[in-house]
């Protein structure tokens, strides 16, 4: 509707009063479900007979470690000798490498 009368879109001009109705079509999906169950559920299987007693053993508590059981001084397990040997071998290899490089 343009100025109260029905016209086409091509007649629109700047400053006109326009009233419009928008019609849209939305597809609708309807789902119907009907379920009919007949019959009976089978009986549960019988409980098997008991074949013996179930014994549960409680875990024994761990013995507490006292200070008397611990050694007073830890043993000496490492020394500096292997480190000195490694340094010596690396020094010999370095001097040999320098000797070879300077003779060429």
C-alpha atoms as a PDB file:
ATOM      1  CA  UNK A   1       0.000   0.000   0.000  1.00  0.00           C
ATOM      2  CA  UNK A   2       1.416   3.383  -1.022  1.00  0.00           C
ATOM      3  CA  UNK A   3      -0.429   6.404   0.352  1.00  0.00           C
ATOM      4  CA  UNK A   4      -3.468   4.227   1.107  1.00  0.00           C
ATOM      5  CA  UNK A   5      -3.824   2.632  -2.330  1.00  0.00           C
ATOM      6  CA  UNK A   6      -2.468  -0.635  -3.638  1.00  0.00           C
ATOM      7  CA  UNK A   7       0.316  -0.194  -6.223  1.00  0.00           C
ATOM      8  CA  UNK A   8       3.426  -2.021  -7.385  1.00  0.00           C
ATOM      9  CA  UNK A   9       6.954  -1.702  -6.058  1.00  0.00           C
ATOM     10  CA  UNK A  10       8.056   0.204  -9.174  1.00  0.00           C
ATOM     11  CA  UNK A  11       5.904   3.170  -8.137  1.00  0.00           C
ATOM     12  CA  UNK A  12       7.942   3.841  -4.940  1.00  0.00           C
ATOM     13  CA  UNK A  13       9.546   7.255  -4.583  1.00  0.00           C
ATOM     14  CA  UNK A  14      11.492   8.999  -1.840  1.00  0.00           C
ATOM     15  CA  UNK A  15       9.293  10.389   0.980  1.00  0.00           C
ATOM     16  CA  UNK A  16       6.217   8.154   0.381  1.00  0.00           C
ATOM     17  CA  UNK A  17       4.412   6.490   3.290  1.00  0.00           C
ATOM     18  CA  UNK A  18       4.485   2.741   2.773  1.00  0.00           C
ATOM     19  CA  UNK A  19       2.534   0.016   4.558  1.00  0.00           C
ATOM     20  CA  UNK A  20       3.569  -3.555   3.814  1.00  0.00           C
ATOM     21  CA  UNK A  21       2.561  -7.037   4.854  1.00  0.00           C
ATOM     22  CA  UNK A  22       5.154  -9.773   4.469  1.00  0.00           C
ATOM     23  CA  UNK A  23       3.922 -13.301   3.908  1.00  0.00           C
ATOM     24  CA  UNK A  24       6.362 -16.141   4.383  1.00  0.00           C
ATOM     25  CA  UNK A  25       5.869 -19.845   4.058  1.00  0.00           C
ATOM     26  CA  UNK A  26       7.698 -22.026   6.546  1.00  0.00           C
ATOM     27  CA  UNK A  27       7.809 -25.745   5.855  1.00  0.00           C
ATOM     28  CA  UNK A  28       6.475 -27.737   8.770  1.00  0.00           C
ATOM     29  CA  UNK A  29       7.410 -31.283   9.567  1.00  0.00           C
ATOM     30  CA  UNK A  30       5.060 -33.284  11.710  1.00  0.00           C
ATOM     31  CA  UNK A  31       6.171 -36.632  13.085  1.00  0.00           C
ATOM     32  CA  UNK A  32       3.753 -39.010  14.705  1.00  0.00           C
ATOM     33  CA  UNK A  33       4.881 -42.180  16.395  1.00  0.00           C
ATOM     34  CA  UNK A  34       2.796 -44.827  18.008  1.00  0.00           C
ATOM     35  CA  UNK A  35       4.206 -47.945  19.589  1.00  0.00           C
ATOM     36  CA  UNK A  36       2.270 -50.929  20.781  1.00  0.00           C
ATOM     37  CA  UNK A  37       3.991 -53.661  22.760  1.00  0.00           C
ATOM     38  CA  UNK A  38       2.388 -56.983  23.423  1.00  0.00           C
ATOM     39  CA  UNK A  39       3.605 -60.026  25.291  1.00  0.00           C
ATOM     40  CA  UNK A  40       5.349 -60.609  28.576  1.00  0.00           C
ATOM     41  CA  UNK A  41       8.932 -60.404  29.654  1.00  0.00           C
ATOM     42  CA  UNK A  42      10.583 -63.770  30.336  1.00  0.00           C
ATOM     43  CA  UNK A  43      11.254 -64.755  33.938  1.00  0.00           C
ATOM     44  CA  UNK A  44      14.759 -64.066  35.229  1.00  0.00           C
ATOM     45  CA  UNK A  45      17.092 -67.071  35.375  1.00  0.00           C
ATOM     46  CA  UNK A  46      17.247 -68.892  38.708  1.00  0.00           C
ATOM     47  CA  UNK A  47      19.980 -67.973  41.165  1.00  0.00           C
ATOM     48  CA  UNK A  48      22.797 -70.555  41.090  1.00  0.00           C
ATOM     49  CA  UNK A  49      23.188 -72.630  44.240  1.00  0.00           C
ATOM     50  CA  UNK A  50      25.855 -71.607  46.755  1.00  0.00           C
ATOM     51  CA  UNK A  51      28.944 -73.817  46.478  1.00  0.00           C
ATOM     52  CA  UNK A  52      30.963 -72.766  49.508  1.00  0.00           C
ATOM     53  CA  UNK A  53      31.767 -69.997  51.900  1.00  0.00           C
ATOM     54  CA  UNK A  54      33.401 -66.767  50.825  1.00  0.00           C
ATOM     55  CA  UNK A  55      36.336 -65.896  53.065  1.00  0.00           C
ATOM     56  CA  UNK A  56      37.783 -62.405  53.162  1.00  0.00           C
ATOM     57  CA  UNK A  57      41.190 -62.042  54.801  1.00  0.00           C
ATOM     58  CA  UNK A  58      42.069 -58.729  56.372  1.00  0.00           C
ATOM     59  CA  UNK A  59      45.453 -57.347  55.377  1.00  0.00           C
ATOM     60  CA  UNK A  60      48.057 -57.441  58.146  1.00  0.00           C
ATOM     61  CA  UNK A  61      49.324 -54.025  59.186  1.00  0.00           C
ATOM     62  CA  UNK A  62      52.884 -53.212  58.099  1.00  0.00           C
ATOM     63  CA  UNK A  63      55.433 -53.195  60.893  1.00  0.00           C
ATOM     64  CA  UNK A  64      56.525 -49.733  61.960  1.00  0.00           C
ATOM     65  CA  UNK A  65      60.168 -48.851  61.291  1.00  0.00           C
ATOM     66  CA  UNK A  66      61.926 -47.652  64.388  1.00  0.00           C
ATOM     67  CA  UNK A  67      65.057 -45.523  64.618  1.00  0.00           C
ATOM     68  CA  UNK A  68      66.919 -48.402  66.190  1.00  0.00           C
ATOM     69  CA  UNK A  69      66.511 -50.456  62.991  1.00  0.00           C
ATOM     70  CA  UNK A  70      68.016 -47.713  60.799  1.00  0.00           C
ATOM     71  CA  UNK A  71      71.811 -47.535  60.333  1.00  0.00           C
ATOM     72  CA  UNK A  72      73.571 -44.677  62.115  1.00  0.00           C
ATOM     73  CA  UNK A  73      75.732 -43.641  59.145  1.00  0.00           C
ATOM     74  CA  UNK A  74      75.163 -44.222  55.454  1.00  0.00           C
ATOM     75  CA  UNK A  75      77.928 -46.051  53.573  1.00  0.00           C
ATOM     76  CA  UNK A  76      80.293 -44.108  51.290  1.00  0.00           C
ATOM     77  CA  UNK A  77      79.309 -45.187  47.755  1.00  0.00           C
ATOM     78  CA  UNK A  78      80.902 -42.600  45.468  1.00  0.00           C
ATOM     79  CA  UNK A  79      84.301 -41.042  45.045  1.00  0.00           C
ATOM     80  CA  UNK A  80      86.086 -38.480  42.876  1.00  0.00           C
ATOM     81  CA  UNK A  81      88.482 -40.995  41.248  1.00  0.00           C
ATOM     82  CA  UNK A  82      86.310 -41.759  38.155  1.00  0.00           C
ATOM     83  CA  UNK A  83      85.863 -38.032  37.503  1.00  0.00           C
ATOM     84  CA  UNK A  84      89.643 -37.463  37.654  1.00  0.00           C
ATOM     85  CA  UNK A  85      90.147 -40.359  35.223  1.00  0.00           C
ATOM     86  CA  UNK A  86      87.647 -38.872  32.776  1.00  0.00           C
ATOM     87  CA  UNK A  87      89.343 -35.466  32.935  1.00  0.00           C
ATOM     88  CA  UNK A  88      92.710 -37.128  32.273  1.00  0.00           C
ATOM     89  CA  UNK A  89      91.424 -39.042  29.241  1.00  0.00           C
ATOM     90  CA  UNK A  90      89.838 -35.887  27.788  1.00  0.00           C
ATOM     91  CA  UNK A  91      93.117 -33.971  28.302  1.00  0.00           C
ATOM     92  CA  UNK A  92      95.108 -36.666  26.508  1.00  0.00           C
ATOM     93  CA  UNK A  93      92.599 -36.734  23.622  1.00  0.00           C
ATOM     94  CA  UNK A  94      92.742 -32.947  23.333  1.00  0.00           C
ATOM     95  CA  UNK A  95      96.540 -32.842  23.281  1.00  0.00           C
ATOM     96  CA  UNK A  96      96.640 -35.625  20.691  1.00  0.00           C
ATOM     97  CA  UNK A  97      94.119 -33.726  18.526  1.00  0.00           C
ATOM     98  CA  UNK A  98      96.143 -30.488  18.729  1.00  0.00           C
ATOM     99  CA  UNK A  99      99.355 -32.353  17.863  1.00  0.00           C
ATOM    100  CA  UNK A 100      97.765 -33.883  14.768  1.00  0.00           C
ATOM    101  CA  UNK A 101      96.310 -30.530  13.636  1.00  0.00           C
ATOM    102  CA  UNK A 102      99.573 -28.594  14.038  1.00  0.00           C
ATOM    103  CA  UNK A 103     101.733 -31.114  12.118  1.00  0.00           C
ATOM    104  CA  UNK A 104      99.743 -30.790   8.878  1.00  0.00           C
END
